C-alpha atoms as a PDB file:
ATOM      1  CA  MET A   1      19.671 -17.583  16.148  1.00  0.00           C
ATOM      2  CA  HIS A   2      16.215 -16.501  15.002  1.00  0.00           C
ATOM      3  CA  GLN A   3      13.448 -17.047  17.550  1.00  0.00           C
ATOM      4  CA  ASN A   4      10.883 -18.156  14.937  1.00  0.00           C
ATOM      5  CA  GLN A   5      12.957 -20.828  13.201  1.00  0.00           C
ATOM      6  CA  ALA A   6      10.197 -23.442  13.128  1.00  0.00           C
ATOM      7  CA  LEU A   7       7.728 -21.004  11.573  1.00  0.00           C
ATOM      8  CA  TRP A   8      10.196 -19.832   8.948  1.00  0.00           C
ATOM      9  CA  LYS A   9      11.109 -23.402   8.028  1.00  0.00           C
ATOM     10  CA  LYS A  10       7.429 -24.192   7.519  1.00  0.00           C
ATOM     11  CA  CYS A  11       6.902 -20.931   5.617  1.00  0.00           C
ATOM     12  CA  TYR A  12       9.721 -21.681   3.171  1.00  0.00           C
ATOM     13  CA  SER A  13       8.455 -25.230   2.663  1.00  0.00           C
ATOM     14  CA  LEU A  14       4.955 -23.947   1.842  1.00  0.00           C
ATOM     15  CA  ALA A  15       6.413 -21.316  -0.462  1.00  0.00           C
ATOM     16  CA  SER A  16       8.288 -23.987  -2.426  1.00  0.00           C
ATOM     17  CA  ARG A  17       5.130 -26.067  -2.775  1.00  0.00           C
ATOM     18  CA  ILE A  18       3.186 -23.039  -4.048  1.00  0.00           C
ATOM     19  CA  HIS A  19       5.963 -22.232  -6.501  1.00  0.00           C
ATOM     20  CA  THR A  20       5.820 -25.795  -7.808  1.00  0.00           C
ATOM     21  CA  LEU A  21       2.013 -25.700  -8.050  1.00  0.00           C
ATOM     22  CA  LYS A  22       2.043 -22.385  -9.987  1.00  0.00           C
ATOM     23  CA  PRO A  23      -1.569 -21.379  -9.235  1.00  0.00           C
ATOM     24  CA  TRP A  24      -1.142 -18.186 -11.311  1.00  0.00           C
ATOM     25  CA  GLN A  25      -1.554 -20.403 -14.362  1.00  0.00           C
ATOM     26  CA  TRP A  26      -5.295 -20.667 -13.638  1.00  0.00           C
ATOM     27  CA  MET A  27      -5.945 -17.922 -11.056  1.00  0.00           C
ATOM     28  CA  HIS A  28      -5.900 -14.165 -11.598  1.00  0.00           C
ATOM     29  CA  GLU A  29      -5.210 -11.202  -9.331  1.00  0.00           C
ATOM     30  CA  ASP A  30      -8.939 -10.501  -8.881  1.00  0.00           C
ATOM     31  CA  ASP A  31      -9.729 -14.135  -7.955  1.00  0.00           C
ATOM     32  CA  THR A  32      -9.617 -13.049  -4.336  1.00  0.00           C
ATOM     33  CA  PHE A  33     -10.527 -15.322  -1.442  1.00  0.00           C
ATOM     34  CA  VAL A  34     -10.675 -14.614   2.275  1.00  0.00           C
ATOM     35  CA  ILE A  35      -9.019 -16.435   5.165  1.00  0.00           C
ATOM     36  CA  ARG A  36     -10.074 -15.827   8.767  1.00  0.00           C
ATOM     37  CA  VAL A  37      -7.375 -17.045  11.147  1.00  0.00           C
ATOM     38  CA  PRO A  38      -7.970 -18.121  14.766  1.00  0.00           C
ATOM     39  CA  SER A  39      -7.196 -14.610  16.109  1.00  0.00           C
ATOM     40  CA  GLY A  40     -10.214 -13.320  14.154  1.00  0.00           C
ATOM     41  CA  ARG A  41      -8.154 -11.331  11.664  1.00  0.00           C
ATOM     42  CA  THR A  42      -9.142 -11.666   8.029  1.00  0.00           C
ATOM     43  CA  TYR A  43      -6.707 -11.757   5.126  1.00  0.00           C
ATOM     44  CA  PHE A  44      -7.743 -11.120   1.535  1.00  0.00           C
ATOM     45  CA  MET A  45      -5.572 -13.344  -0.631  1.00  0.00           C
ATOM     46  CA  SER A  46      -4.619 -12.314  -4.153  1.00  0.00           C
ATOM     47  CA  ILE A  47      -2.425 -14.341  -6.527  1.00  0.00           C
ATOM     48  CA  MET A  48      -0.244 -12.421  -8.966  1.00  0.00           C
ATOM     49  CA  GLY A  49       1.463 -13.638 -12.100  1.00  0.00           C
ATOM     50  CA  ALA A  50      -1.279 -14.441 -14.601  1.00  0.00           C
ATOM     51  CA  GLY A  51      -0.895 -11.110 -16.372  1.00  0.00           C
ATOM     52  CA  GLY A  52       2.798 -11.594 -17.059  1.00  0.00           C
ATOM     53  CA  GLU A  53       4.038  -9.794 -13.942  1.00  0.00           C
ATOM     54  CA  PHE A  54       6.252 -11.636 -11.456  1.00  0.00           C
ATOM     55  CA  PRO A  55       4.359 -14.306  -9.473  1.00  0.00           C
ATOM     56  CA  GLY A  56       3.475 -13.696  -5.862  1.00  0.00           C
ATOM     57  CA  ILE A  57       0.894 -14.101  -3.110  1.00  0.00           C
ATOM     58  CA  ILE A  58      -0.434 -10.989  -1.371  1.00  0.00           C
ATOM     59  CA  ALA A  59      -2.377 -11.049   1.900  1.00  0.00           C
ATOM     60  CA  TYR A  60      -4.209  -7.751   2.442  1.00  0.00           C
ATOM     61  CA  GLU A  61      -4.736  -7.180   6.151  1.00  0.00           C
ATOM     62  CA  GLY A  62      -8.472  -6.759   6.641  1.00  0.00           C
ATOM     63  CA  PRO A  63     -11.410  -5.377   4.634  1.00  0.00           C
ATOM     64  CA  GLU A  64     -10.205  -1.758   4.733  1.00  0.00           C
ATOM     65  CA  ALA A  65      -6.854  -2.739   3.249  1.00  0.00           C
ATOM     66  CA  PHE A  66      -8.679  -4.690   0.549  1.00  0.00           C
ATOM     67  CA  HIS A  67     -10.880  -1.669  -0.199  1.00  0.00           C
ATOM     68  CA  ASP A  68      -7.683   0.378  -0.577  1.00  0.00           C
ATOM     69  CA  PHE A  69      -6.408  -2.206  -3.068  1.00  0.00           C
ATOM     70  CA  LEU A  70      -9.658  -1.959  -5.048  1.00  0.00           C
ATOM     71  CA  ASP A  71      -9.284   1.838  -5.063  1.00  0.00           C
ATOM     72  CA  LEU A  72      -5.726   1.402  -6.303  1.00  0.00           C
ATOM     73  CA  GLN A  73      -7.036  -0.649  -9.220  1.00  0.00           C
ATOM     74  CA  ASP A  74      -9.589   2.073 -10.035  1.00  0.00           C
ATOM     75  CA  TYR A  75      -6.810   4.690 -10.181  1.00  0.00           C
ATOM     76  CA  ASP A  76      -4.080   2.489 -11.675  1.00  0.00           C
ATOM     77  CA  ASP A  77      -3.566   4.928 -14.548  1.00  0.00           C
ATOM     78  CA  ILE A  78      -3.041   7.821 -12.118  1.00  0.00           C
ATOM     79  CA  LEU A  79      -1.325   6.541  -8.989  1.00  0.00           C
ATOM     80  CA  PRO A  80       2.349   5.469  -9.080  1.00  0.00           C
ATOM     81  CA  PRO A  81       3.347   1.820  -8.457  1.00  0.00           C
ATOM     82  CA  GLU A  82       4.688   2.699  -4.997  1.00  0.00           C
ATOM     83  CA  ALA A  83       1.124   3.481  -3.877  1.00  0.00           C
ATOM     84  CA  ILE A  84       0.945  -0.199  -2.872  1.00  0.00           C
ATOM     85  CA  LEU A  85       3.265   0.758   0.024  1.00  0.00           C
ATOM     86  CA  THR A  86       0.404   2.727   1.610  1.00  0.00           C
ATOM     87  CA  ILE A  87      -1.671  -0.455   2.045  1.00  0.00           C
ATOM     88  CA  PRO A  88      -1.012  -2.857   4.956  1.00  0.00           C
ATOM     89  CA  HIS A  89      -0.223  -6.294   3.536  1.00  0.00           C
ATOM     90  CA  MET A  90       2.167  -9.224   3.475  1.00  0.00           C
ATOM     91  CA  MET A  91       3.651 -10.526   0.244  1.00  0.00           C
ATOM     92  CA  LEU A  92       5.348 -13.761  -0.743  1.00  0.00           C
ATOM     93  CA  TYR A  93       7.365 -13.786  -3.954  1.00  0.00           C
ATOM     94  CA  TRP A  94      10.394 -15.507  -5.452  1.00  0.00           C
ATOM     95  CA  SER A  95      13.736 -14.342  -6.796  1.00  0.00           C
ATOM     96  CA  GLU A  96      17.284 -15.430  -7.535  1.00  0.00           C
ATOM     97  CA  LYS A  97      19.538 -16.215  -4.592  1.00  0.00           C
ATOM     98  CA  LYS A  98      21.809 -13.252  -5.349  1.00  0.00           C
ATOM     99  CA  GLU A  99      18.888 -10.877  -4.723  1.00  0.00           C
ATOM    100  CA  LEU A 100      18.312 -12.073  -1.147  1.00  0.00           C
ATOM    101  CA  MET A 101      19.086  -9.704   1.713  1.00  0.00           C
ATOM    102  CA  PRO A 102      21.806 -10.789   4.195  1.00  0.00           C
ATOM    103  CA  GLU A 103      19.132 -11.351   6.873  1.00  0.00           C
ATOM    104  CA  GLU A 104      17.227 -13.666   4.535  1.00  0.00           C
ATOM    105  CA  LYS A 105      20.344 -15.656   3.638  1.00  0.00           C
ATOM    106  CA  SER A 106      21.212 -16.038   7.310  1.00  0.00           C
ATOM    107  CA  LEU A 107      17.702 -17.182   8.144  1.00  0.00           C
ATOM    108  CA  MET A 108      17.640 -19.768   5.361  1.00  0.00           C
ATOM    109  CA  LYS A 109      20.997 -21.070   6.505  1.00  0.00           C
ATOM    110  CA  GLU A 110      19.677 -21.454  10.054  1.00  0.00           C
ATOM    111  CA  VAL A 111      16.653 -23.487   8.958  1.00  0.00           C
ATOM    112  CA  ARG A 112      18.728 -25.397   6.347  1.00  0.00           C
ATOM    113  CA  PHE A 113      16.567 -24.343   3.432  1.00  0.00           C
ATOM    114  CA  SER A 114      17.689 -24.557  -0.163  1.00  0.00           C
ATOM    115  CA  ALA A 115      15.530 -23.717  -3.160  1.00  0.00           C
ATOM    116  CA  SER A 116      15.273 -25.667  -6.375  1.00  0.00           C
ATOM    117  CA  GLY A 117      15.583 -23.623  -9.528  1.00  0.00           C
ATOM    118  CA  LYS A 118      17.277 -20.322 -10.264  1.00  0.00           C
ATOM    119  CA  ASN A 119      14.262 -18.134  -9.482  1.00  0.00           C
ATOM    120  CA  GLY A 120      12.786 -20.273  -6.720  1.00  0.00           C
ATOM    121  CA  TRP A 121      14.124 -18.525  -3.618  1.00  0.00           C
ATOM    122  CA  PRO A 122      11.118 -17.410  -1.517  1.00  0.00           C
ATOM    123  CA  ARG A 123      10.924 -13.974   0.032  1.00  0.00           C
ATOM    124  CA  LEU A 124       8.304 -12.784   2.487  1.00  0.00           C
ATOM    125  CA  ASP A 125       7.857  -9.259   3.789  1.00  0.00           C
ATOM    126  CA  ARG A 126       5.239  -7.173   5.547  1.00  0.00           C
ATOM    127  CA  THR A 127       4.368  -3.603   4.623  1.00  0.00           C
ATOM    128  CA  VAL A 128       3.240  -1.090   7.234  1.00  0.00           C
ATOM    129  CA  PRO A 129       2.001   2.025   5.379  1.00  0.00           C
ATOM    130  CA  GLY A 130       4.799   4.528   4.881  1.00  0.00           C
ATOM    131  CA  PHE A 131       7.557   2.226   6.120  1.00  0.00           C
ATOM    132  CA  VAL A 132      10.109   0.046   4.361  1.00  0.00           C
ATOM    133  CA  PRO A 133       8.840  -3.543   3.975  1.00  0.00           C
ATOM    134  CA  ALA A 134      10.445  -5.921   6.479  1.00  0.00           C
ATOM    135  CA  LEU A 135      10.273  -9.542   7.577  1.00  0.00           C
ATOM    136  CA  PRO A 136       6.999 -10.224   9.429  1.00  0.00           C
ATOM    137  CA  GLU A 137       7.325 -11.092  13.079  1.00  0.00           C
ATOM    138  CA  ASP A 138       5.478 -13.084  15.738  1.00  0.00           C
ATOM    139  CA  SER A 139       1.702 -13.263  15.187  1.00  0.00           C
ATOM    140  CA  PHE A 140       1.847 -11.943  11.624  1.00  0.00           C
ATOM    141  CA  LEU A 141       4.386 -14.586  10.593  1.00  0.00           C
ATOM    142  CA  GLU A 142       2.330 -17.294  12.296  1.00  0.00           C
ATOM    143  CA  GLU A 143      -0.843 -16.117  10.551  1.00  0.00           C
ATOM    144  CA  MET A 144       0.853 -15.890   7.162  1.00  0.00           C
ATOM    145  CA  VAL A 145       1.925 -19.523   7.514  1.00  0.00           C
ATOM    146  CA  ILE A 146      -1.713 -20.449   8.154  1.00  0.00           C
ATOM    147  CA  ALA A 147      -2.791 -18.340   5.174  1.00  0.00           C
ATOM    148  CA  LEU A 148      -0.249 -20.049   2.889  1.00  0.00           C
ATOM    149  CA  GLU A 149      -1.467 -23.481   3.974  1.00  0.00           C
ATOM    150  CA  GLN A 150      -5.006 -22.512   2.995  1.00  0.00           C
ATOM    151  CA  THR A 151      -3.786 -20.886  -0.216  1.00  0.00           C
ATOM    152  CA  LEU A 152      -2.386 -24.249  -1.313  1.00  0.00           C
ATOM    153  CA  ASN A 153      -5.699 -25.895  -0.489  1.00  0.00           C
ATOM    154  CA  VAL A 154      -7.868 -23.301  -2.219  1.00  0.00           C
ATOM    155  CA  ALA A 155      -5.651 -23.028  -5.298  1.00  0.00           C
ATOM    156  CA  ALA A 156      -5.693 -26.785  -5.884  1.00  0.00           C
ATOM    157  CA  ARG A 157      -9.488 -26.905  -5.506  1.00  0.00           C
ATOM    158  CA  ALA A 158     -10.007 -23.817  -7.684  1.00  0.00           C
ATOM    159  CA  GLU A 159      -8.347 -25.574 -10.603  1.00  0.00           C
ATOM    160  CA  ALA A 160     -10.985 -28.308 -10.448  1.00  0.00           C
ATOM    161  CA  GLU A 161     -14.021 -26.335  -9.213  1.00  0.00           C
ATOM    162  CA  GLU A 162     -14.890 -23.507 -11.597  1.00  0.00           C
ATOM    163  CA  ASN A 163     -17.181 -21.573  -9.249  1.00  0.00           C
ATOM    164  CA  LEU A 164     -15.341 -22.202  -5.985  1.00  0.00           C
ATOM    165  CA  LEU A 165     -14.135 -18.621  -5.589  1.00  0.00           C
ATOM    166  CA  TRP A 166     -17.509 -17.029  -6.397  1.00  0.00           C
ATOM    167  CA  PRO A 167     -20.091 -18.765  -4.178  1.00  0.00           C
ATOM    168  CA  GLY A 168     -23.792 -18.010  -4.068  1.00  0.00           C
ATOM    169  CA  ASP A 169     -25.586 -15.561  -6.332  1.00  0.00           C
ATOM    170  CA  PRO A 170     -23.192 -14.286  -9.042  1.00  0.00           C
ATOM    171  CA  GLU A 171     -24.903 -10.881  -8.924  1.00  0.00           C
ATOM    172  CA  ALA A 172     -23.992 -10.485  -5.246  1.00  0.00           C
ATOM    173  CA  GLY A 173     -20.256 -10.664  -5.965  1.00  0.00           C
ATOM    174  CA  ASN A 174     -19.462 -12.406  -2.697  1.00  0.00           C
ATOM    175  CA  TYR A 175     -16.177 -14.122  -1.907  1.00  0.00           C
ATOM    176  CA  LEU A 176     -15.087 -17.521  -0.652  1.00  0.00           C
ATOM    177  CA  LEU A 177     -14.277 -17.384   3.064  1.00  0.00           C
ATOM    178  CA  CYS A 178     -12.164 -20.077   4.684  1.00  0.00           C
ATOM    179  CA  GLU A 179     -12.878 -20.111   8.407  1.00  0.00           C
ATOM    180  CA  CYS A 180     -11.733 -22.517  11.084  1.00  0.00           C
ATOM    181  CA  ILE A 181     -12.716 -23.936  14.418  1.00  0.00           C
ATOM    182  CA  GLU A 182      -9.868 -24.706  16.803  1.00  0.00           C
ATOM    183  CA  LYS A 183     -10.238 -27.654  19.148  1.00  0.00           C
ATOM    184  CA  GLU A 184      -7.404 -29.063  21.220  1.00  0.00           C
ATOM    185  CA  GLY A 185      -4.875 -27.309  19.006  1.00  0.00           C
ATOM    186  CA  VAL A 186      -6.296 -28.716  15.774  1.00  0.00           C
ATOM    187  CA  LEU A 187      -7.826 -26.424  13.145  1.00  0.00           C
ATOM    188  CA  THR A 188     -10.827 -27.672  11.181  1.00  0.00           C
ATOM    189  CA  TRP A 189     -11.616 -25.536   8.126  1.00  0.00           C
ATOM    190  CA  TYR A 190     -14.947 -24.730   6.533  1.00  0.00           C
ATOM    191  CA  ASP A 191     -16.007 -22.849   3.405  1.00  0.00           C
ATOM    192  CA  LYS A 192     -18.437 -19.969   3.770  1.00  0.00           C
ATOM    193  CA  GLU A 193     -19.794 -17.141   1.663  1.00  0.00           C
ATOM    194  CA  TYR A 194     -18.384 -13.711   2.522  1.00  0.00           C
ATOM    195  CA  ALA A 195     -19.972 -10.365   1.729  1.00  0.00           C
ATOM    196  CA  LEU A 196     -17.442  -7.533   1.720  1.00  0.00           C
ATOM    197  CA  PRO A 197     -18.617  -4.816   4.147  1.00  0.00           C
ATOM    198  CA  GLU A 198     -18.938  -1.244   2.955  1.00  0.00           C
ATOM    199  CA  LYS A 199     -15.799   0.843   3.173  1.00  0.00           C
ATOM    200  CA  ILE A 200     -15.602   2.901   6.337  1.00  0.00           C
ATOM    201  CA  GLN A 201     -15.679   6.524   5.240  1.00  0.00           C
ATOM    202  CA  ILE A 202     -13.619   8.613   7.644  1.00  0.00           C
ATOM    203  CA  ALA A 203     -14.421  12.254   7.053  1.00  0.00           C
ATOM    204  CA  PRO A 204     -11.390  14.526   6.654  1.00  0.00           C
ATOM    205  CA  ALA A 205     -10.779  16.973   9.448  1.00  0.00           C
ATOM    206  CA  GLU A 206     -12.728  20.211   9.436  1.00  0.00           C
ATOM    207  CA  PRO A 207     -10.379  23.121   8.731  1.00  0.00           C
ATOM    208  CA  ASP A 208      -9.039  25.026  11.681  1.00  0.00           C
ATOM    209  CA  SER A 209     -10.711  28.432  12.093  1.00  0.00           C
ATOM    210  CA  ASP A 210      -7.342  30.216  12.200  1.00  0.00           C
ATOM    211  CA  LEU A 211      -6.403  28.476   8.955  1.00  0.00           C
ATOM    212  CA  VAL A 212      -9.606  29.657   7.296  1.00  0.00           C
ATOM    213  CA  ARG A 213      -9.051  33.242   8.430  1.00  0.00           C
ATOM    214  CA  SER A 214      -5.464  33.181   7.170  1.00  0.00           C
ATOM    215  CA  LEU A 215      -6.567  31.922   3.769  1.00  0.00           C
ATOM    216  CA  ALA A 216      -9.302  34.568   3.568  1.00  0.00           C
ATOM    217  CA  LYS A 217      -6.698  37.308   3.991  1.00  0.00           C
ATOM    218  CA  LEU A 218      -4.630  36.117   1.031  1.00  0.00           C
ATOM    219  CA  GLN A 219      -5.139  37.999  -2.209  1.00  0.00           C
ATOM    220  CA  GLU A 220      -6.905  36.016  -4.927  1.00  0.00           C
ATOM    221  CA  LYS A 221      -4.961  35.978  -8.207  1.00  0.00           C
ATOM    222  CA  LYS A 222      -5.852  34.761 -11.676  1.00  0.00           C
ATOM    223  CA  MET A 223      -3.298  32.019 -11.823  1.00  0.00           C
ATOM    224  CA  ILE A 224      -3.252  28.224 -11.892  1.00  0.00           C
ATOM    225  CA  LEU A 225      -1.191  26.379  -9.313  1.00  0.00           C
ATOM    226  CA  GLN A 226      -0.494  22.664  -9.105  1.00  0.00           C
ATOM    227  CA  MET A 227      -0.009  20.720  -5.874  1.00  0.00           C
ATOM    228  CA  ASP A 228       0.940  17.114  -5.265  1.00  0.00           C
ATOM    229  CA  LEU A 229       1.900  14.741  -2.477  1.00  0.00           C
ATOM    230  CA  ARG A 230       4.500  12.110  -3.356  1.00  0.00           C
ATOM    231  CA  MET A 231       6.590   9.502  -1.638  1.00  0.00           C
ATOM    232  CA  LEU A 232      10.332   9.827  -2.127  1.00  0.00           C
ATOM    233  CA  PRO A 233      12.213   6.714  -3.308  1.00  0.00           C
ATOM    234  CA  ALA A 234      15.096   6.812  -0.806  1.00  0.00           C
ATOM    235  CA  PRO A 235      14.206   5.565   2.703  1.00  0.00           C
ATOM    236  CA  VAL A 236      15.383   7.238   5.896  1.00  0.00           C
ATOM    237  CA  LYS A 237      17.479   4.983   8.140  1.00  0.00           C
ATOM    238  CA  ASP A 238      18.263   7.059  11.215  1.00  0.00           C
ATOM    239  CA  GLY A 239      18.894   4.206  13.651  1.00  0.00           C
ATOM    240  CA  VAL A 240      16.017   5.391  15.865  1.00  0.00           C
ATOM    241  CA  HIS A 241      12.861   4.678  13.886  1.00  0.00           C
ATOM    242  CA  THR A 242      11.914   1.776  11.674  1.00  0.00           C
ATOM    243  CA  PRO A 243      13.211   2.764   8.207  1.00  0.00           C
ATOM    244  CA  TYR A 244      10.545   4.846   6.491  1.00  0.00           C
ATOM    245  CA  PHE A 245       9.906   6.657   3.230  1.00  0.00           C
ATOM    246  CA  PRO A 246       9.805  10.460   3.447  1.00  0.00           C
ATOM    247  CA  TRP A 247       7.118  12.327   1.536  1.00  0.00           C
ATOM    248  CA  ILE A 248       7.083  15.680  -0.175  1.00  0.00           C
ATOM    249  CA  ILE A 249       4.266  18.130  -0.758  1.00  0.00           C
ATOM    250  CA  MET A 250       4.977  20.560  -3.579  1.00  0.00           C
ATOM    251  CA  LEU A 251       3.326  23.687  -4.996  1.00  0.00           C
ATOM    252  CA  VAL A 252       4.156  24.767  -8.565  1.00  0.00           C
ATOM    253  CA  GLU A 253       2.973  27.591 -10.823  1.00  0.00           C
ATOM    254  CA  LYS A 254       1.588  25.831 -13.887  1.00  0.00           C
ATOM    255  CA  LYS A 255       2.462  28.424 -16.549  1.00  0.00           C
ATOM    256  CA  ARG A 256       6.134  28.888 -15.664  1.00  0.00           C
ATOM    257  CA  GLY A 257       6.775  25.576 -13.921  1.00  0.00           C
ATOM    258  CA  MET A 258       8.268  27.466 -10.971  1.00  0.00           C
ATOM    259  CA  VAL A 259       8.395  25.725  -7.584  1.00  0.00           C
ATOM    260  CA  LEU A 260       6.749  28.100  -5.107  1.00  0.00           C
ATOM    261  CA  HIS A 261       7.012  25.896  -2.044  1.00  0.00           C
ATOM    262  CA  PHE A 262       7.823  22.364  -0.953  1.00  0.00           C
ATOM    263  CA  LYS A 263       7.989  20.592   2.378  1.00  0.00           C
ATOM    264  CA  LEU A 264       9.329  17.222   3.459  1.00  0.00           C
ATOM    265  CA  LEU A 265       6.957  15.116   5.577  1.00  0.00           C
ATOM    266  CA  THR A 266       7.480  11.925   7.587  1.00  0.00           C
ATOM    267  CA  PRO A 267       4.956   9.131   8.298  1.00  0.00           C
ATOM    268  CA  LEU A 268       5.679   9.366  12.022  1.00  0.00           C
ATOM    269  CA  PRO A 269       4.238   8.089  14.216  1.00  0.00           C
ATOM    270  CA  ASP A 270       2.159   6.708  11.332  1.00  0.00           C
ATOM    271  CA  LEU A 271       0.902   7.618   7.883  1.00  0.00           C
ATOM    272  CA  GLN A 272      -2.540   8.714   9.097  1.00  0.00           C
ATOM    273  CA  HIS A 273      -0.979  11.302  11.399  1.00  0.00           C
ATOM    274  CA  MET A 274       1.015  12.689   8.488  1.00  0.00           C
ATOM    275  CA  LEU A 275      -2.112  12.953   6.336  1.00  0.00           C
ATOM    276  CA  SER A 276      -3.867  14.886   9.094  1.00  0.00           C
ATOM    277  CA  THR A 277      -1.318  17.705   8.610  1.00  0.00           C
ATOM    278  CA  LEU A 278      -2.090  18.268   4.910  1.00  0.00           C
ATOM    279  CA  GLN A 279      -4.437  21.199   5.529  1.00  0.00           C
ATOM    280  CA  VAL A 280      -1.724  23.035   7.446  1.00  0.00           C
ATOM    281  CA  CYS A 281       0.742  22.238   4.651  1.00  0.00           C
ATOM    282  CA  LEU A 282      -1.704  23.776   2.175  1.00  0.00           C
ATOM    283  CA  LEU A 283      -1.819  26.996   4.180  1.00  0.00           C
ATOM    284  CA  GLU A 284       1.980  27.136   4.416  1.00  0.00           C
ATOM    285  CA  SER A 285       2.267  26.618   0.662  1.00  0.00           C
ATOM    286  CA  LEU A 286      -0.269  29.298  -0.242  1.00  0.00           C
ATOM    287  CA  ARG A 287       1.343  31.706   2.223  1.00  0.00           C
ATOM    288  CA  ALA A 288       4.666  31.082   0.470  1.00  0.00           C
ATOM    289  CA  ALA A 289       2.954  31.884  -2.844  1.00  0.00           C
ATOM    290  CA  ASN A 290       1.320  34.891  -1.128  1.00  0.00           C
ATOM    291  CA  CYS A 291      -1.984  34.327  -2.903  1.00  0.00           C
ATOM    292  CA  ARG A 292      -5.113  32.279  -3.274  1.00  0.00           C
ATOM    293  CA  PRO A 293      -5.110  30.900  -6.812  1.00  0.00           C
ATOM    294  CA  GLN A 294      -8.013  31.008  -9.189  1.00  0.00           C
ATOM    295  CA  THR A 295      -7.445  27.270  -9.682  1.00  0.00           C
ATOM    296  CA  LEU A 296      -5.499  24.686  -7.692  1.00  0.00           C
ATOM    297  CA  GLU A 297      -4.966  21.477  -9.641  1.00  0.00           C
ATOM    298  CA  VAL A 298      -4.292  18.221  -7.824  1.00  0.00           C
ATOM    299  CA  HIS A 299      -3.519  14.784  -9.214  1.00  0.00           C
ATOM    300  CA  ASN A 300      -3.650  12.665  -6.059  1.00  0.00           C
ATOM    301  CA  PRO A 301      -7.162  11.551  -4.943  1.00  0.00           C
ATOM    302  CA  LEU A 302      -5.951  11.409  -1.341  1.00  0.00           C
ATOM    303  CA  LEU A 303      -4.753  15.011  -1.434  1.00  0.00           C
ATOM    304  CA  ALA A 304      -8.011  16.177  -3.010  1.00  0.00           C
ATOM    305  CA  TYR A 305      -9.970  14.364  -0.307  1.00  0.00           C
ATOM    306  CA  HIS A 306      -8.159  16.158   2.518  1.00  0.00           C
ATOM    307  CA  LEU A 307      -8.223  19.612   0.892  1.00  0.00           C
ATOM    308  CA  GLU A 308     -11.898  19.620  -0.104  1.00  0.00           C
ATOM    309  CA  PRO A 309     -13.185  20.825   3.320  1.00  0.00           C
ATOM    310  CA  VAL A 310     -10.919  23.895   3.139  1.00  0.00           C
ATOM    311  CA  ASN A 311     -12.005  24.624  -0.420  1.00  0.00           C
ATOM    312  CA  ASN A 312     -15.636  24.479   0.696  1.00  0.00           C
ATOM    313  CA  ARG A 313     -15.008  27.243   3.260  1.00  0.00           C
ATOM    314  CA  ILE A 314     -12.630  29.492   1.314  1.00  0.00           C
ATOM    315  CA  PRO A 315     -12.766  28.565  -2.396  1.00  0.00           C
ATOM    316  CA  PHE A 316      -9.460  28.363  -4.224  1.00  0.00           C
ATOM    317  CA  GLY A 317     -10.669  26.477  -7.290  1.00  0.00           C
ATOM    318  CA  LEU A 318      -9.689  22.962  -6.241  1.00  0.00           C
ATOM    319  CA  ARG A 319      -9.753  20.782  -9.368  1.00  0.00           C
ATOM    320  CA  PHE A 320      -8.797  17.139  -9.889  1.00  0.00           C
ATOM    321  CA  VAL A 321      -6.830  16.519 -13.097  1.00  0.00           C
ATOM    322  CA  GLU A 322      -5.368  13.365 -14.652  1.00  0.00           C
ATOM    323  CA  SER A 323      -1.942  14.817 -15.470  1.00  0.00           C
ATOM    324  CA  MET A 324       0.277  17.682 -14.314  1.00  0.00           C
ATOM    325  CA  LYS A 325       3.204  18.128 -16.682  1.00  0.00           C
ATOM    326  CA  SER A 326       4.600  21.250 -15.002  1.00  0.00           C
ATOM    327  CA  LEU A 327       4.677  19.649 -11.573  1.00  0.00           C
ATOM    328  CA  ASP A 328       6.094  16.374 -12.930  1.00  0.00           C
ATOM    329  CA  GLU A 329       9.020  18.228 -14.483  1.00  0.00           C
ATOM    330  CA  ALA A 330       9.609  20.293 -11.349  1.00  0.00           C
ATOM    331  CA  PHE A 331       9.449  17.189  -9.164  1.00  0.00           C
ATOM    332  CA  ASP A 332      11.970  15.290 -11.303  1.00  0.00           C
ATOM    333  CA  SER A 333      14.312  18.286 -11.225  1.00  0.00           C
ATOM    334  CA  LEU A 334      14.005  18.642  -7.453  1.00  0.00           C
ATOM    335  CA  ILE A 335      14.602  14.928  -6.831  1.00  0.00           C
ATOM    336  CA  SER A 336      17.695  15.027  -9.034  1.00  0.00           C
ATOM    337  CA  SER A 337      19.025  17.974  -7.036  1.00  0.00           C
ATOM    338  CA  MET A 338      18.191  16.368  -3.680  1.00  0.00           C
ATOM    339  CA  GLU A 339      19.890  13.102  -4.649  1.00  0.00           C
ATOM    340  CA  GLN A 340      23.107  15.013  -5.211  1.00  0.00           C
ATOM    341  CA  THR A 341      23.028  16.491  -1.723  1.00  0.00           C
ATOM    342  CA  ASN A 342      21.188  13.495  -0.137  1.00  0.00           C
ATOM    343  CA  PRO A 343      19.590  15.364   2.797  1.00  0.00           C
ATOM    344  CA  TRP A 344      17.997  12.189   4.114  1.00  0.00           C
END
């Protein structure tokens, strides 16, 4: 028996009401509003479905997660769809019953929930960056229920009030904030104007002095290399850690399309720790190539961000490009080969 039965029953009931309301018929993905729950956490709510994609409700966990979503929109023609799995969020969506996971079916049976309509079965999961989405637990489930209650309220009002979601001066671009006061277990909600704080810029690590010296010793060659960091599609389920997606960093010679080096990475203990190792991975890759290239092309803004400090100390022609055909072909070939042996 699931310990959060009452919360799940309420969650599924709210999900059915939202599905019946269909707020995506008058709200768009960028009609974002903010909900601050009693714990003080803020969720940035986005409603999908207006553009023809499948309907859903996404709750981005805090202003930094929302900034990451805005960055994802800016690079939507460059970053792959799975980039959303690097942003902490919860998502409610609907599917056919046959698509439910066994855990979801068991949970719905426990709370005696049955959906109306073929595609009306609600599904809720939480994404921790780098890990396989899973059912939210404890405080996150409780807070998502609160967020869904307010989503129903805001969506219904937004249909009637044209400027509800964009309060104050239109030039300021502020958001609607729903905030509550709790008294004797009862939540009273108020509308406020919310100004999104500036994104916290965390400087990438300064390159290790030994790394810089090692790079300086490598011979510079007139060649163009391509490097990329990508998440692999098959999750690791080792029975020890929460299932996670492995990553690969790959170095390819552009002219011949030859793979010079690749390394599998894991988001353990978390994705930020993995990203902190990228400079060392760069050194290992260039050592394997036994050279410093005249130009190193990268396609991933995140990779460029972490490699820039090294390039400033020992230039290797770091250049951001919008496409990398040679690396794409090498990556597809490598993935095909790895799927046959399935090392993870």
